[in-house]
């Protein structure tokens, strides 16, 4: 079962979060050799992505990944509500949905 987390993305600003993956006992999971992917779409049934997350492993033995979107990419997104999810492909099993939720892009004012 995936985790649920709604996020706010500031239009024109860099979005960057560190996520730590833990097991049911609260221990960090070693994610060495694992892969991750994540998309943002306007609606669940949308055929095209509004944006992709850039996901990199920052501390494999401590289960930490960085999830980001560049400021140029967020500037190109229309303000409003989107949906997203992040998938994890561990080396020991099939792909699972790690995290999902609503992504609200808030408009910028300064030009």
PDB file of N, CA and C in Angstrom:
ATOM      1  N   UNK A   1       0.840  -1.176   0.000  1.00  0.00           N
ATOM      2  CA  UNK A   1       0.000   0.000   0.000  1.00  0.00           C
ATOM      3  C   UNK A   1       0.884   1.237   0.000  1.00  0.00           C
ATOM      4  N   UNK A   2       0.594   2.159  -0.889  1.00  0.00           N
ATOM      5  CA  UNK A   2       1.413   3.355  -1.019  1.00  0.00           C
ATOM      6  C   UNK A   2       1.099   4.370   0.073  1.00  0.00           C
ATOM      7  N   UNK A   3       2.081   5.248   0.305  1.00  0.00           N
ATOM      8  CA  UNK A   3       1.858   6.357   1.214  1.00  0.00           C
ATOM      9  C   UNK A   3       1.123   7.467   0.493  1.00  0.00           C
ATOM     10  N   UNK A   4       0.426   8.302   1.240  1.00  0.00           N
ATOM     11  CA  UNK A   4      -0.322   9.404   0.654  1.00  0.00           C
ATOM     12  C   UNK A   4       0.253  10.706   1.197  1.00  0.00           C
ATOM     13  N   UNK A   5       0.596  11.617   0.284  1.00  0.00           N
ATOM     14  CA  UNK A   5       1.151  12.904   0.674  1.00  0.00           C
ATOM     15  C   UNK A   5       0.783  13.940  -0.379  1.00  0.00           C
ATOM     16  N   UNK A   6       0.035  14.948   0.027  1.00  0.00           N
ATOM     17  CA  UNK A   6      -0.264  16.061  -0.877  1.00  0.00           C
ATOM     18  C   UNK A   6       0.891  17.051  -0.801  1.00  0.00           C
ATOM     19  N   UNK A   7       1.260  17.615  -1.962  1.00  0.00           N
ATOM     20  CA  UNK A   7       2.413  18.516  -2.025  1.00  0.00           C
ATOM     21  C   UNK A   7       2.026  19.842  -2.674  1.00  0.00           C
ATOM     22  N   UNK A   8       2.807  20.859  -2.365  1.00  0.00           N
ATOM     23  CA  UNK A   8       2.648  22.171  -3.002  1.00  0.00           C
ATOM     24  C   UNK A   8       3.908  22.451  -3.797  1.00  0.00           C
ATOM     25  N   UNK A   9       3.719  22.830  -5.063  1.00  0.00           N
ATOM     26  CA  UNK A   9       4.822  23.186  -5.948  1.00  0.00           C
ATOM     27  C   UNK A   9       4.665  24.663  -6.281  1.00  0.00           C
ATOM     28  N   UNK A  10       5.673  25.448  -5.954  1.00  0.00           N
ATOM     29  CA  UNK A  10       5.614  26.878  -6.241  1.00  0.00           C
ATOM     30  C   UNK A  10       6.040  27.128  -7.684  1.00  0.00           C
ATOM     31  N   UNK A  11       5.140  27.707  -8.463  1.00  0.00           N
ATOM     32  CA  UNK A  11       5.409  27.996  -9.866  1.00  0.00           C
ATOM     33  C   UNK A  11       6.653  28.883  -9.966  1.00  0.00           C
ATOM     34  N   UNK A  12       7.615  28.468 -10.768  1.00  0.00           N
ATOM     35  CA  UNK A  12       8.843  29.232 -10.967  1.00  0.00           C
ATOM     36  C   UNK A  12       9.916  28.969  -9.928  1.00  0.00           C
ATOM     37  N   UNK A  13       9.636  28.123  -8.942  1.00  0.00           N
ATOM     38  CA  UNK A  13      10.629  27.785  -7.916  1.00  0.00           C
ATOM     39  C   UNK A  13      11.036  26.332  -8.048  1.00  0.00           C
ATOM     40  N   UNK A  14      12.226  26.003  -7.577  1.00  0.00           N
ATOM     41  CA  UNK A  14      12.673  24.611  -7.620  1.00  0.00           C
ATOM     42  C   UNK A  14      11.941  23.818  -6.548  1.00  0.00           C
ATOM     43  N   UNK A  15      11.399  22.673  -6.937  1.00  0.00           N
ATOM     44  CA  UNK A  15      10.783  21.749  -5.994  1.00  0.00           C
ATOM     45  C   UNK A  15      11.826  20.691  -5.668  1.00  0.00           C
ATOM     46  N   UNK A  16      12.101  20.482  -4.384  1.00  0.00           N
ATOM     47  CA  UNK A  16      13.118  19.514  -3.992  1.00  0.00           C
ATOM     48  C   UNK A  16      12.780  18.959  -2.614  1.00  0.00           C
ATOM     49  N   UNK A  17      12.604  17.646  -2.525  1.00  0.00           N
ATOM     50  CA  UNK A  17      12.285  16.983  -1.266  1.00  0.00           C
ATOM     51  C   UNK A  17      13.143  15.731  -1.119  1.00  0.00           C
ATOM     52  N   UNK A  18      13.506  15.439   0.113  1.00  0.00           N
ATOM     53  CA  UNK A  18      14.198  14.193   0.433  1.00  0.00           C
ATOM     54  C   UNK A  18      13.162  13.259   1.058  1.00  0.00           C
ATOM     55  N   UNK A  19      13.112  12.041   0.565  1.00  0.00           N
ATOM     56  CA  UNK A  19      12.193  11.031   1.082  1.00  0.00           C
ATOM     57  C   UNK A  19      13.034   9.869   1.589  1.00  0.00           C
ATOM     58  N   UNK A  20      12.703   9.380   2.777  1.00  0.00           N
ATOM     59  CA  UNK A  20      13.396   8.218   3.320  1.00  0.00           C
ATOM     60  C   UNK A  20      12.430   7.038   3.362  1.00  0.00           C
ATOM     61  N   UNK A  21      12.887   5.915   2.841  1.00  0.00           N
ATOM     62  CA  UNK A  21      12.071   4.705   2.790  1.00  0.00           C
ATOM     63  C   UNK A  21      12.414   3.841   4.004  1.00  0.00           C
ATOM     64  N   UNK A  22      11.367   3.484   4.761  1.00  0.00           N
ATOM     65  CA  UNK A  22      11.547   2.662   5.954  1.00  0.00           C
ATOM     66  C   UNK A  22      10.639   1.440   5.881  1.00  0.00           C
ATOM     67  N   UNK A  23      11.039   0.383   6.582  1.00  0.00           N
ATOM     68  CA  UNK A  23      10.203  -0.810   6.646  1.00  0.00           C
ATOM     69  C   UNK A  23       9.134  -0.623   7.727  1.00  0.00           C
ATOM     70  N   UNK A  24       8.310  -1.630   7.936  1.00  0.00           N
ATOM     71  CA  UNK A  24       7.213  -1.536   8.902  1.00  0.00           C
ATOM     72  C   UNK A  24       7.674  -1.347  10.341  1.00  0.00           C
ATOM     73  N   UNK A  25       8.931  -1.666  10.619  1.00  0.00           N
ATOM     74  CA  UNK A  25       9.478  -1.491  11.963  1.00  0.00           C
ATOM     75  C   UNK A  25      10.155  -0.135  12.141  1.00  0.00           C
ATOM     76  N   UNK A  26      10.149   0.680  11.085  1.00  0.00           N
ATOM     77  CA  UNK A  26      10.753   2.008  11.162  1.00  0.00           C
ATOM     78  C   UNK A  26      12.236   2.052  10.843  1.00  0.00           C
ATOM     79  N   UNK A  27      12.776   0.952  10.323  1.00  0.00           N
ATOM     80  CA  UNK A  27      14.190   0.895   9.952  1.00  0.00           C
ATOM     81  C   UNK A  27      14.375   1.309   8.496  1.00  0.00           C
ATOM     82  N   UNK A  28      15.441   2.043   8.218  1.00  0.00           N
ATOM     83  CA  UNK A  28      15.747   2.452   6.844  1.00  0.00           C
ATOM     84  C   UNK A  28      15.977   1.229   5.971  1.00  0.00           C
ATOM     85  N   UNK A  29      15.481   1.294   4.739  1.00  0.00           N
ATOM     86  CA  UNK A  29      15.630   0.198   3.775  1.00  0.00           C
ATOM     87  C   UNK A  29      16.805   0.516   2.851  1.00  0.00           C
ATOM     88  N   UNK A  30      17.714  -0.432   2.679  1.00  0.00           N
ATOM     89  CA  UNK A  30      18.836  -0.260   1.749  1.00  0.00           C
ATOM     90  C   UNK A  30      18.279  -0.327   0.332  1.00  0.00           C
ATOM     91  N   UNK A  31      18.432   0.746  -0.433  1.00  0.00           N
ATOM     92  CA  UNK A  31      17.867   0.826  -1.785  1.00  0.00           C
ATOM     93  C   UNK A  31      18.951   0.781  -2.865  1.00  0.00           C
ATOM     94  N   UNK A  32      20.106   0.227  -2.512  1.00  0.00           N
ATOM     95  CA  UNK A  32      21.193   0.090  -3.478  1.00  0.00           C
ATOM     96  C   UNK A  32      20.704  -0.688  -4.695  1.00  0.00           C
ATOM     97  N   UNK A  33      20.917  -0.147  -5.893  1.00  0.00           N
ATOM     98  CA  UNK A  33      20.532  -0.818  -7.136  1.00  0.00           C
ATOM     99  C   UNK A  33      19.061  -0.721  -7.485  1.00  0.00           C
ATOM    100  N   UNK A  34      18.273  -0.010  -6.707  1.00  0.00           N
ATOM    101  CA  UNK A  34      16.844   0.140  -6.976  1.00  0.00           C
ATOM    102  C   UNK A  34      16.618   1.304  -7.942  1.00  0.00           C
ATOM    103  N   UNK A  35      15.440   1.351  -8.565  1.00  0.00           N
ATOM    104  CA  UNK A  35      15.105   2.453  -9.465  1.00  0.00           C
ATOM    105  C   UNK A  35      13.782   3.085  -9.054  1.00  0.00           C
ATOM    106  N   UNK A  36      13.606   4.344  -9.462  1.00  0.00           N
ATOM    107  CA  UNK A  36      12.425   5.119  -9.112  1.00  0.00           C
ATOM    108  C   UNK A  36      11.972   5.919 -10.323  1.00  0.00           C
ATOM    109  N   UNK A  37      10.667   6.168 -10.403  1.00  0.00           N
ATOM    110  CA  UNK A  37      10.104   7.005 -11.469  1.00  0.00           C
ATOM    111  C   UNK A  37       8.868   7.694 -10.913  1.00  0.00           C
ATOM    112  N   UNK A  38       8.586   8.890 -11.400  1.00  0.00           N
ATOM    113  CA  UNK A  38       7.405   9.603 -10.931  1.00  0.00           C
ATOM    114  C   UNK A  38       6.907  10.604 -11.946  1.00  0.00           C
ATOM    115  N   UNK A  39       5.591  10.721 -12.052  1.00  0.00           N
ATOM    116  CA  UNK A  39       4.942  11.627 -13.002  1.00  0.00           C
ATOM    117  C   UNK A  39       3.925  12.503 -12.292  1.00  0.00           C
ATOM    118  N   UNK A  40       3.672  13.651 -12.914  1.00  0.00           N
ATOM    119  CA  UNK A  40       2.578  14.536 -12.518  1.00  0.00           C
ATOM    120  C   UNK A  40       1.674  14.667 -13.737  1.00  0.00           C
ATOM    121  N   UNK A  41       0.375  14.492 -13.523  1.00  0.00           N
ATOM    122  CA  UNK A  41      -0.604  14.625 -14.608  1.00  0.00           C
ATOM    123  C   UNK A  41      -1.755  15.501 -14.129  1.00  0.00           C
ATOM    124  N   UNK A  42      -2.461  16.094 -15.079  1.00  0.00           N
ATOM    125  CA  UNK A  42      -3.577  16.964 -14.728  1.00  0.00           C
ATOM    126  C   UNK A  42      -4.707  16.165 -14.077  1.00  0.00           C
ATOM    127  N   UNK A  43      -4.984  14.981 -14.609  1.00  0.00           N
ATOM    128  CA  UNK A  43      -6.009  14.094 -14.063  1.00  0.00           C
ATOM    129  C   UNK A  43      -5.494  12.661 -14.141  1.00  0.00           C
ATOM    130  N   UNK A  44      -6.120  11.771 -13.400  1.00  0.00           N
ATOM    131  CA  UNK A  44      -5.686  10.370 -13.407  1.00  0.00           C
ATOM    132  C   UNK A  44      -5.708   9.770 -14.810  1.00  0.00           C
ATOM    133  N   UNK A  45      -6.675  10.114 -15.631  1.00  0.00           N
ATOM    134  CA  UNK A  45      -6.792   9.537 -16.963  1.00  0.00           C
ATOM    135  C   UNK A  45      -6.038  10.278 -18.050  1.00  0.00           C
ATOM    136  N   UNK A  46      -5.286  11.316 -17.708  1.00  0.00           N
ATOM    137  CA  UNK A  46      -4.570  12.113 -18.708  1.00  0.00           C
ATOM    138  C   UNK A  46      -3.545  11.271 -19.455  1.00  0.00           C
ATOM    139  N   UNK A  47      -3.549  11.387 -20.781  1.00  0.00           N
ATOM    140  CA  UNK A  47      -2.616  10.618 -21.609  1.00  0.00           C
ATOM    141  C   UNK A  47      -1.204  11.199 -21.561  1.00  0.00           C
ATOM    142  N   UNK A  48      -1.084  12.487 -21.301  1.00  0.00           N
ATOM    143  CA  UNK A  48       0.232  13.120 -21.295  1.00  0.00           C
ATOM    144  C   UNK A  48       0.616  13.575 -19.885  1.00  0.00           C
ATOM    145  N   UNK A  49       1.904  13.557 -19.641  1.00  0.00           N
ATOM    146  CA  UNK A  49       2.434  14.028 -18.366  1.00  0.00           C
ATOM    147  C   UNK A  49       2.525  15.549 -18.378  1.00  0.00           C
ATOM    148  N   UNK A  50       2.220  16.156 -17.245  1.00  0.00           N
ATOM    149  CA  UNK A  50       2.456  17.592 -17.096  1.00  0.00           C
ATOM    150  C   UNK A  50       3.932  17.822 -16.788  1.00  0.00           C
ATOM    151  N   UNK A  51       4.517  16.882 -16.050  1.00  0.00           N
ATOM    152  CA  UNK A  51       5.938  16.976 -15.691  1.00  0.00           C
ATOM    153  C   UNK A  51       6.395  15.642 -15.116  1.00  0.00           C
ATOM    154  N   UNK A  52       7.700  15.402 -15.201  1.00  0.00           N
ATOM    155  CA  UNK A  52       8.324  14.232 -14.574  1.00  0.00           C
ATOM    156  C   UNK A  52       9.110  14.708 -13.362  1.00  0.00           C
ATOM    157  N   UNK A  53       9.163  13.877 -12.339  1.00  0.00           N
ATOM    158  CA  UNK A  53      10.071  14.147 -11.232  1.00  0.00           C
ATOM    159  C   UNK A  53      11.468  13.676 -11.627  1.00  0.00           C
ATOM    160  N   UNK A  54      12.484  14.414 -11.225  1.00  0.00           N
ATOM    161  CA  UNK A  54      13.865  13.940 -11.296  1.00  0.00           C
ATOM    162  C   UNK A  54      14.119  13.252  -9.960  1.00  0.00           C
ATOM    163  N   UNK A  55      14.422  11.969 -10.008  1.00  0.00           N
ATOM    164  CA  UNK A  55      14.591  11.209  -8.771  1.00  0.00           C
ATOM    165  C   UNK A  55      15.983  10.589  -8.764  1.00  0.00           C
ATOM    166  N   UNK A  56      16.710  10.835  -7.684  1.00  0.00           N
ATOM    167  CA  UNK A  56      18.035  10.243  -7.551  1.00  0.00           C
ATOM    168  C   UNK A  56      18.202   9.704  -6.140  1.00  0.00           C
ATOM    169  N   UNK A  57      18.976   8.655  -6.035  1.00  0.00           N
ATOM    170  CA  UNK A  57      19.282   8.075  -4.730  1.00  0.00           C
ATOM    171  C   UNK A  57      20.396   8.913  -4.112  1.00  0.00           C
ATOM    172  N   UNK A  58      20.160   9.416  -2.899  1.00  0.00           N
ATOM    173  CA  UNK A  58      21.166  10.254  -2.243  1.00  0.00           C
ATOM    174  C   UNK A  58      21.948   9.488  -1.178  1.00  0.00           C
ATOM    175  N   UNK A  59      21.303   8.578  -0.468  1.00  0.00           N
ATOM    176  CA  UNK A  59      21.957   7.740   0.543  1.00  0.00           C
ATOM    177  C   UNK A  59      21.320   6.351   0.477  1.00  0.00           C
ATOM    178  N   UNK A  60      21.890   5.495  -0.353  1.00  0.00           N
ATOM    179  CA  UNK A  60      21.283   4.184  -0.611  1.00  0.00           C
ATOM    180  C   UNK A  60      21.103   3.352   0.656  1.00  0.00           C
ATOM    181  N   UNK A  61      22.122   3.251   1.492  1.00  0.00           N
ATOM    182  CA  UNK A  61      22.015   2.389   2.676  1.00  0.00           C
ATOM    183  C   UNK A  61      21.043   2.947   3.709  1.00  0.00           C
ATOM    184  N   UNK A  62      20.758   4.251   3.647  1.00  0.00           N
ATOM    185  CA  UNK A  62      19.791   4.875   4.561  1.00  0.00           C
ATOM    186  C   UNK A  62      18.429   5.088   3.912  1.00  0.00           C
ATOM    187  N   UNK A  63      18.237   4.553   2.693  1.00  0.00           N
ATOM    188  CA  UNK A  63      16.935   4.607   2.028  1.00  0.00           C
ATOM    189  C   UNK A  63      16.491   5.990   1.595  1.00  0.00           C
ATOM    190  N   UNK A  64      17.431   6.898   1.306  1.00  0.00           N
ATOM    191  CA  UNK A  64      17.061   8.275   0.975  1.00  0.00           C
ATOM    192  C   UNK A  64      17.147   8.563  -0.517  1.00  0.00           C
ATOM    193  N   UNK A  65      16.074   9.200  -1.013  1.00  0.00           N
ATOM    194  CA  UNK A  65      16.042   9.656  -2.408  1.00  0.00           C
ATOM    195  C   UNK A  65      15.722  11.147  -2.437  1.00  0.00           C
ATOM    196  N   UNK A  66      16.177  11.809  -3.495  1.00  0.00           N
ATOM    197  CA  UNK A  66      15.836  13.204  -3.748  1.00  0.00           C
ATOM    198  C   UNK A  66      14.818  13.233  -4.877  1.00  0.00           C
ATOM    199  N   UNK A  67      13.728  13.971  -4.670  1.00  0.00           N
ATOM    200  CA  UNK A  67      12.673  14.117  -5.670  1.00  0.00           C
ATOM    201  C   UNK A  67      12.614  15.606  -6.012  1.00  0.00           C
ATOM    202  N   UNK A  68      12.841  15.947  -7.283  1.00  0.00           N
ATOM    203  CA  UNK A  68      12.912  17.368  -7.629  1.00  0.00           C
ATOM    204  C   UNK A  68      12.319  17.675  -8.995  1.00  0.00           C
ATOM    205  N   UNK A  69      12.035  18.972  -9.171  1.00  0.00           N
ATOM    206  CA  UNK A  69      11.625  19.535 -10.466  1.00  0.00           C
ATOM    207  C   UNK A  69      12.332  20.876 -10.562  1.00  0.00           C
ATOM    208  N   UNK A  70      12.945  21.168 -11.700  1.00  0.00           N
ATOM    209  CA  UNK A  70      13.689  22.416 -11.861  1.00  0.00           C
ATOM    210  C   UNK A  70      12.755  23.624 -11.860  1.00  0.00           C
ATOM    211  N   UNK A  71      13.308  24.781 -11.558  1.00  0.00           N
ATOM    212  CA  UNK A  71      12.514  26.017 -11.557  1.00  0.00           C
ATOM    213  C   UNK A  71      12.002  26.351 -12.957  1.00  0.00           C
ATOM    214  N   UNK A  72      12.777  26.038 -13.984  1.00  0.00           N
ATOM    215  CA  UNK A  72      12.300  26.271 -15.362  1.00  0.00           C
ATOM    216  C   UNK A  72      11.075  25.417 -15.666  1.00  0.00           C
ATOM    217  N   UNK A  73      11.095  24.174 -15.182  1.00  0.00           N
ATOM    218  CA  UNK A  73       9.963  23.276 -15.425  1.00  0.00           C
ATOM    219  C   UNK A  73       8.726  23.699 -14.646  1.00  0.00           C
ATOM    220  N   UNK A  74       8.895  24.123 -13.381  1.00  0.00           N
ATOM    221  CA  UNK A  74       7.719  24.561 -12.619  1.00  0.00           C
ATOM    222  C   UNK A  74       7.159  25.859 -13.177  1.00  0.00           C
ATOM    223  N   UNK A  75       8.023  26.709 -13.753  1.00  0.00           N
ATOM    224  CA  UNK A  75       7.558  27.959 -14.362  1.00  0.00           C
ATOM    225  C   UNK A  75       6.660  27.680 -15.563  1.00  0.00           C
ATOM    226  N   UNK A  76       6.908  26.564 -16.243  1.00  0.00           N
ATOM    227  CA  UNK A  76       6.128  26.214 -17.426  1.00  0.00           C
ATOM    228  C   UNK A  76       4.801  25.530 -17.086  1.00  0.00           C
ATOM    229  N   UNK A  77       4.623  25.144 -15.833  1.00  0.00           N
ATOM    230  CA  UNK A  77       3.381  24.475 -15.424  1.00  0.00           C
ATOM    231  C   UNK A  77       2.307  25.515 -15.133  1.00  0.00           C
ATOM    232  N   UNK A  78       1.085  25.221 -15.549  1.00  0.00           N
ATOM    233  CA  UNK A  78      -0.036  26.093 -15.216  1.00  0.00           C
ATOM    234  C   UNK A  78      -0.387  25.913 -13.747  1.00  0.00           C
ATOM    235  N   UNK A  79      -0.780  26.996 -13.107  1.00  0.00           N
ATOM    236  CA  UNK A  79      -1.225  26.897 -11.717  1.00  0.00           C
ATOM    237  C   UNK A  79      -2.478  26.031 -11.667  1.00  0.00           C
ATOM    238  N   UNK A  80      -2.630  25.288 -10.588  1.00  0.00           N
ATOM    239  CA  UNK A  80      -3.810  24.451 -10.425  1.00  0.00           C
ATOM    240  C   UNK A  80      -3.481  23.146  -9.749  1.00  0.00           C
ATOM    241  N   UNK A  81      -4.464  22.264  -9.737  1.00  0.00           N
ATOM    242  CA  UNK A  81      -4.350  20.990  -9.050  1.00  0.00           C
ATOM    243  C   UNK A  81      -4.024  19.875 -10.035  1.00  0.00           C
ATOM    244  N   UNK A  82      -3.095  19.026  -9.638  1.00  0.00           N
ATOM    245  CA  UNK A  82      -2.643  17.890 -10.427  1.00  0.00           C
ATOM    246  C   UNK A  82      -2.661  16.654  -9.528  1.00  0.00           C
ATOM    247  N   UNK A  83      -2.407  15.494 -10.116  1.00  0.00           N
ATOM    248  CA  UNK A  83      -2.193  14.267  -9.358  1.00  0.00           C
ATOM    249  C   UNK A  83      -0.795  13.753  -9.685  1.00  0.00           C
ATOM    250  N   UNK A  84      -0.223  12.994  -8.755  1.00  0.00           N
ATOM    251  CA  UNK A  84       1.113  12.453  -8.997  1.00  0.00           C
ATOM    252  C   UNK A  84       1.254  11.104  -8.304  1.00  0.00           C
ATOM    253  N   UNK A  85       2.257  10.361  -8.733  1.00  0.00           N
ATOM    254  CA  UNK A  85       2.696   9.202  -7.975  1.00  0.00           C
ATOM    255  C   UNK A  85       4.167   8.943  -8.252  1.00  0.00           C
ATOM    256  N   UNK A  86       4.775   8.200  -7.339  1.00  0.00           N
ATOM    257  CA  UNK A  86       6.177   7.814  -7.457  1.00  0.00           C
ATOM    258  C   UNK A  86       6.232   6.301  -7.320  1.00  0.00           C
ATOM    259  N   UNK A  87       6.863   5.655  -8.295  1.00  0.00           N
ATOM    260  CA  UNK A  87       6.994   4.199  -8.290  1.00  0.00           C
ATOM    261  C   UNK A  87       8.416   3.807  -7.922  1.00  0.00           C
ATOM    262  N   UNK A  88       8.510   2.693  -7.200  1.00  0.00           N
ATOM    263  CA  UNK A  88       9.785   2.161  -6.720  1.00  0.00           C
ATOM    264  C   UNK A  88       9.926   0.743  -7.250  1.00  0.00           C
ATOM    265  N   UNK A  89      11.064   0.468  -7.875  1.00  0.00           N
ATOM    266  CA  UNK A  89      11.344  -0.893  -8.324  1.00  0.00           C
ATOM    267  C   UNK A  89      12.528  -1.421  -7.512  1.00  0.00           C
ATOM    268  N   UNK A  90      12.216  -2.129  -6.406  1.00  0.00           N
ATOM    269  CA  UNK A  90      13.291  -2.724  -5.598  1.00  0.00           C
ATOM    270  C   UNK A  90      13.908  -3.914  -6.330  1.00  0.00           C
ATOM    271  N   UNK A  91      15.109  -4.261  -5.947  1.00  0.00           N
ATOM    272  CA  UNK A  91      15.781  -5.393  -6.589  1.00  0.00           C
ATOM    273  C   UNK A  91      15.170  -6.730  -6.190  1.00  0.00           C
ATOM    274  N   UNK A  92      14.364  -6.758  -5.115  1.00  0.00           N
ATOM    275  CA  UNK A  92      13.849  -8.025  -4.600  1.00  0.00           C
ATOM    276  C   UNK A  92      12.390  -8.307  -4.951  1.00  0.00           C
ATOM    277  N   UNK A  93      11.707  -7.406  -5.667  1.00  0.00           N
ATOM    278  CA  UNK A  93      10.302  -7.647  -6.006  1.00  0.00           C
ATOM    279  C   UNK A  93       9.891  -6.778  -7.197  1.00  0.00           C
ATOM    280  N   UNK A  94       8.613  -6.812  -7.530  1.00  0.00           N
ATOM    281  CA  UNK A  94       8.083  -6.024  -8.640  1.00  0.00           C
ATOM    282  C   UNK A  94       7.913  -4.562  -8.247  1.00  0.00           C
ATOM    283  N   UNK A  95       7.645  -3.727  -9.234  1.00  0.00           N
ATOM    284  CA  UNK A  95       7.420  -2.303  -9.012  1.00  0.00           C
ATOM    285  C   UNK A  95       6.217  -2.083  -8.111  1.00  0.00           C
ATOM    286  N   UNK A  96       6.368  -1.162  -7.167  1.00  0.00           N
ATOM    287  CA  UNK A  96       5.285  -0.790  -6.264  1.00  0.00           C
ATOM    288  C   UNK A  96       5.102   0.724  -6.290  1.00  0.00           C
ATOM    289  N   UNK A  97       3.887   1.160  -6.020  1.00  0.00           N
ATOM    290  CA  UNK A  97       3.638   2.595  -5.891  1.00  0.00           C
ATOM    291  C   UNK A  97       4.080   2.990  -4.493  1.00  0.00           C
ATOM    292  N   UNK A  98       5.077   3.837  -4.413  1.00  0.00           N
ATOM    293  CA  UNK A  98       5.654   4.252  -3.140  1.00  0.00           C
ATOM    294  C   UNK A  98       4.850   5.382  -2.503  1.00  0.00           C
ATOM    295  N   UNK A  99       4.467   6.365  -3.317  1.00  0.00           N
ATOM    296  CA  UNK A  99       3.833   7.570  -2.801  1.00  0.00           C
ATOM    297  C   UNK A  99       2.888   8.122  -3.852  1.00  0.00           C
ATOM    298  N   UNK A 100       1.782   8.727  -3.394  1.00  0.00           N
ATOM    299  CA  UNK A 100       0.817   9.327  -4.310  1.00  0.00           C
ATOM    300  C   UNK A 100       0.100  10.462  -3.613  1.00  0.00           C
ATOM    301  N   UNK A 101      -0.531  11.320  -4.423  1.00  0.00           N
ATOM    302  CA  UNK A 101      -1.320  12.399  -3.838  1.00  0.00           C
ATOM    303  C   UNK A 101      -1.649  13.487  -4.831  1.00  0.00           C
ATOM    304  N   UNK A 102      -2.079  14.605  -4.274  1.00  0.00           N
ATOM    305  CA  UNK A 102      -2.414  15.797  -5.052  1.00  0.00           C
ATOM    306  C   UNK A 102      -1.196  16.713  -5.053  1.00  0.00           C
ATOM    307  N   UNK A 103      -0.903  17.284  -6.205  1.00  0.00           N
ATOM    308  CA  UNK A 103       0.165  18.285  -6.334  1.00  0.00           C
ATOM    309  C   UNK A 103      -0.488  19.595  -6.737  1.00  0.00           C
ATOM    310  N   UNK A 104      -0.452  20.567  -5.852  1.00  0.00           N
ATOM    311  CA  UNK A 104      -1.018  21.872  -6.163  1.00  0.00           C
ATOM    312  C   UNK A 104       0.102  22.804  -6.580  1.00  0.00           C
ATOM    313  N   UNK A 105      -0.027  23.344  -7.800  1.00  0.00           N
ATOM    314  CA  UNK A 105       0.931  24.324  -8.289  1.00  0.00           C
ATOM    315  C   UNK A 105       0.358  25.704  -7.999  1.00  0.00           C
ATOM    316  N   UNK A 106       1.073  26.444  -7.140  1.00  0.00           N
ATOM    317  CA  UNK A 106       0.606  27.778  -6.769  1.00  0.00           C
ATOM    318  C   UNK A 106       1.255  28.808  -7.682  1.00  0.00           C
ATOM    319  N   UNK A 107       0.480  29.806  -8.141  1.00  0.00           N
ATOM    320  CA  UNK A 107       1.008  30.786  -9.090  1.00  0.00           C
ATOM    321  C   UNK A 107       2.019  31.717  -8.444  1.00  0.00           C
ATOM    322  N   UNK A 108       2.986  32.125  -9.245  1.00  0.00           N
ATOM    323  CA  UNK A 108       3.960  33.125  -8.806  1.00  0.00           C
ATOM    324  C   UNK A 108       3.455  34.530  -9.122  1.00  0.00           C
ATOM    325  N   UNK A 109       3.969  35.504  -8.433  1.00  0.00           N
ATOM    326  CA  UNK A 109       3.572  36.891  -8.638  1.00  0.00           C
ATOM    327  C   UNK A 109       4.705  37.706  -9.244  1.00  0.00           C
ATOM    328  N   UNK A 110       5.918  37.550  -8.714  1.00  0.00           N
ATOM    329  CA  UNK A 110       7.047  38.348  -9.161  1.00  0.00           C
ATOM    330  C   UNK A 110       7.482  37.937 -10.555  1.00  0.00           C
ATOM    331  N   UNK A 111       7.668  38.924 -11.418  1.00  0.00           N
ATOM    332  CA  UNK A 111       8.095  38.661 -12.800  1.00  0.00           C
ATOM    333  C   UNK A 111       9.433  39.284 -13.054  1.00  0.00           C
TER     334      UNK A 111
END
